[in-house]
Protein backbone atom coordinates (compact mmCIF):
# COMPACT_ATOMS: atom_id res chain seq x y z
CA UNK A 1 -8.30 -3.32 35.89
CA UNK A 2 -8.02 -3.90 32.52
CA UNK A 3 -4.08 -3.65 30.77
CA UNK A 4 -4.10 -1.76 27.29
CA UNK A 5 -1.52 -2.63 24.73
CA UNK A 6 1.10 0.25 23.97
CA UNK A 7 1.13 0.68 20.06
CA UNK A 8 3.94 2.04 18.76
CA UNK A 9 3.30 5.10 16.49
CA UNK A 10 5.59 5.41 13.09
CA UNK A 11 5.12 8.80 10.90
CA UNK A 12 6.13 7.00 7.20
CA UNK A 13 8.99 9.08 5.75
CA UNK A 14 10.84 9.55 8.88
CA UNK A 15 13.49 7.76 10.02
CA UNK A 16 13.76 5.14 7.19
CA UNK A 17 14.30 7.43 4.87
CA UNK A 18 11.59 9.03 2.25
CA UNK A 19 10.77 6.45 -0.22
CA UNK A 20 11.05 7.83 -4.24
CA UNK A 21 9.51 6.54 -6.90
CA UNK A 22 11.43 7.69 -10.21
CA UNK A 23 8.18 9.82 -11.32
CA UNK A 24 9.89 12.31 -13.23
CA UNK A 25 11.70 10.07 -16.35
CA UNK A 26 9.09 7.57 -16.19
CA UNK A 27 5.32 7.38 -16.88
CA UNK A 28 3.60 8.87 -13.80
CA UNK A 29 0.83 6.80 -14.50
CA UNK A 30 0.03 2.82 -15.49
CA UNK A 31 -2.92 2.49 -17.61
CA UNK A 32 -2.83 -1.17 -17.37
CA UNK A 33 -2.39 -1.55 -13.57
CA UNK A 34 -4.76 1.70 -12.78
CA UNK A 35 -1.75 2.81 -11.16
CA UNK A 36 -0.69 6.41 -10.54
CA UNK A 37 2.75 6.39 -9.10
CA UNK A 38 2.35 9.88 -8.02
CA UNK A 39 -0.53 9.25 -5.87
CA UNK A 40 1.83 5.88 -4.49
CA UNK A 41 4.96 8.40 -3.54
CA UNK A 42 2.80 10.31 -1.81
CA UNK A 43 0.98 7.88 0.30
CA UNK A 44 4.59 5.85 1.17
CA UNK A 45 5.18 8.91 2.22
CA UNK A 46 2.74 10.01 4.74
CA UNK A 47 0.45 12.19 2.33
CA UNK A 48 -1.86 9.52 1.75
CA UNK A 49 -4.86 10.68 -0.78
CA UNK A 50 -8.44 9.71 -1.12
CA UNK A 51 -9.67 7.71 -3.75
CA UNK A 52 -6.82 5.29 -4.07
CA UNK A 53 -7.47 2.36 -6.71
CA UNK A 54 -6.87 -1.56 -5.51
CA UNK A 55 -3.52 -1.27 -7.30
CA UNK A 56 -2.66 1.59 -5.79
CA UNK A 57 -3.17 0.23 -2.16
CA UNK A 58 -1.20 -2.92 -3.28
CA UNK A 59 1.47 -1.12 -4.60
CA UNK A 60 1.53 0.87 -1.32
CA UNK A 61 1.52 -1.72 1.23
CA UNK A 62 3.94 -3.58 -1.17
CA UNK A 63 6.42 -0.63 -0.19
CA UNK A 64 5.16 0.26 3.31
CA UNK A 65 6.24 -3.65 4.64
CA UNK A 66 9.57 -3.68 2.77
CA UNK A 67 10.36 -0.80 4.36
CA UNK A 68 9.75 -2.33 7.65
CA UNK A 69 5.91 -2.02 8.41
CA UNK A 70 4.15 -4.49 10.03
CA UNK A 71 0.57 -5.60 8.39
CA UNK A 72 -1.11 -4.30 11.12
CA UNK A 73 0.56 -1.08 10.86
CA UNK A 74 0.10 -1.18 7.22
CA UNK A 75 -3.62 -2.00 7.30
CA UNK A 76 -4.38 0.56 9.74
CA UNK A 77 -3.00 3.69 7.64
CA UNK A 78 -4.43 2.36 4.37
CA UNK A 79 -8.07 1.09 6.16
CA UNK A 80 -7.75 -2.58 4.95
CA UNK A 81 -8.01 -5.14 7.60
CA UNK A 82 -4.39 -6.58 8.26
CA UNK A 83 -5.56 -10.16 7.38
CA UNK A 84 -6.18 -8.32 3.73
CA UNK A 85 -2.51 -7.16 3.47
CA UNK A 86 -1.17 -10.63 4.46
CA UNK A 87 -3.22 -12.44 2.06
CA UNK A 88 -1.74 -9.27 -0.80
CA UNK A 89 1.98 -10.20 0.47
CA UNK A 90 1.13 -14.16 0.68
CA UNK A 91 -0.37 -13.72 -3.01
CA UNK A 92 3.10 -12.35 -4.48
CA UNK A 93 1.52 -8.30 -4.39
CA UNK A 94 -0.05 -9.41 -7.79
CA UNK A 95 -2.50 -6.53 -9.37
CA UNK A 96 -5.15 -7.72 -12.05
CA UNK A 97 -4.86 -6.03 -14.91
CA UNK A 98 -7.93 -3.70 -15.44
CA UNK A 99 -10.62 -5.77 -17.67
CA UNK A 100 -9.89 -8.65 -16.26
CA UNK A 101 -12.66 -10.05 -14.25
CA UNK A 102 -12.12 -12.29 -10.96
CA UNK A 103 -12.40 -15.53 -11.25
CA UNK A 104 -16.34 -16.66 -10.44
CA UNK A 105 -16.95 -18.58 -7.35
CA UNK A 106 -18.87 -21.81 -8.00
């Protein structure tokens, strides 16, 4: 007989309160970092839009982690490995500005 691990399901945006970003009085997009703040707000409240950019995914992961979700749950939600979430966290949630290439590996 195999034992299955039970997972706790969390509905985003409930229990811990809705995450609200000030997009009404501020710009709704950050062109330098390629972030659509409305898409981020929707995603952290359980309405995951398709076609997120990497900087948006990093920001969403940062916000969900700050609200208490673990790397595994955040990764499952975004379709990214928990190792990637941990790497982003360990690197301080840095988002590389547009136009700056990644360092070349030699």
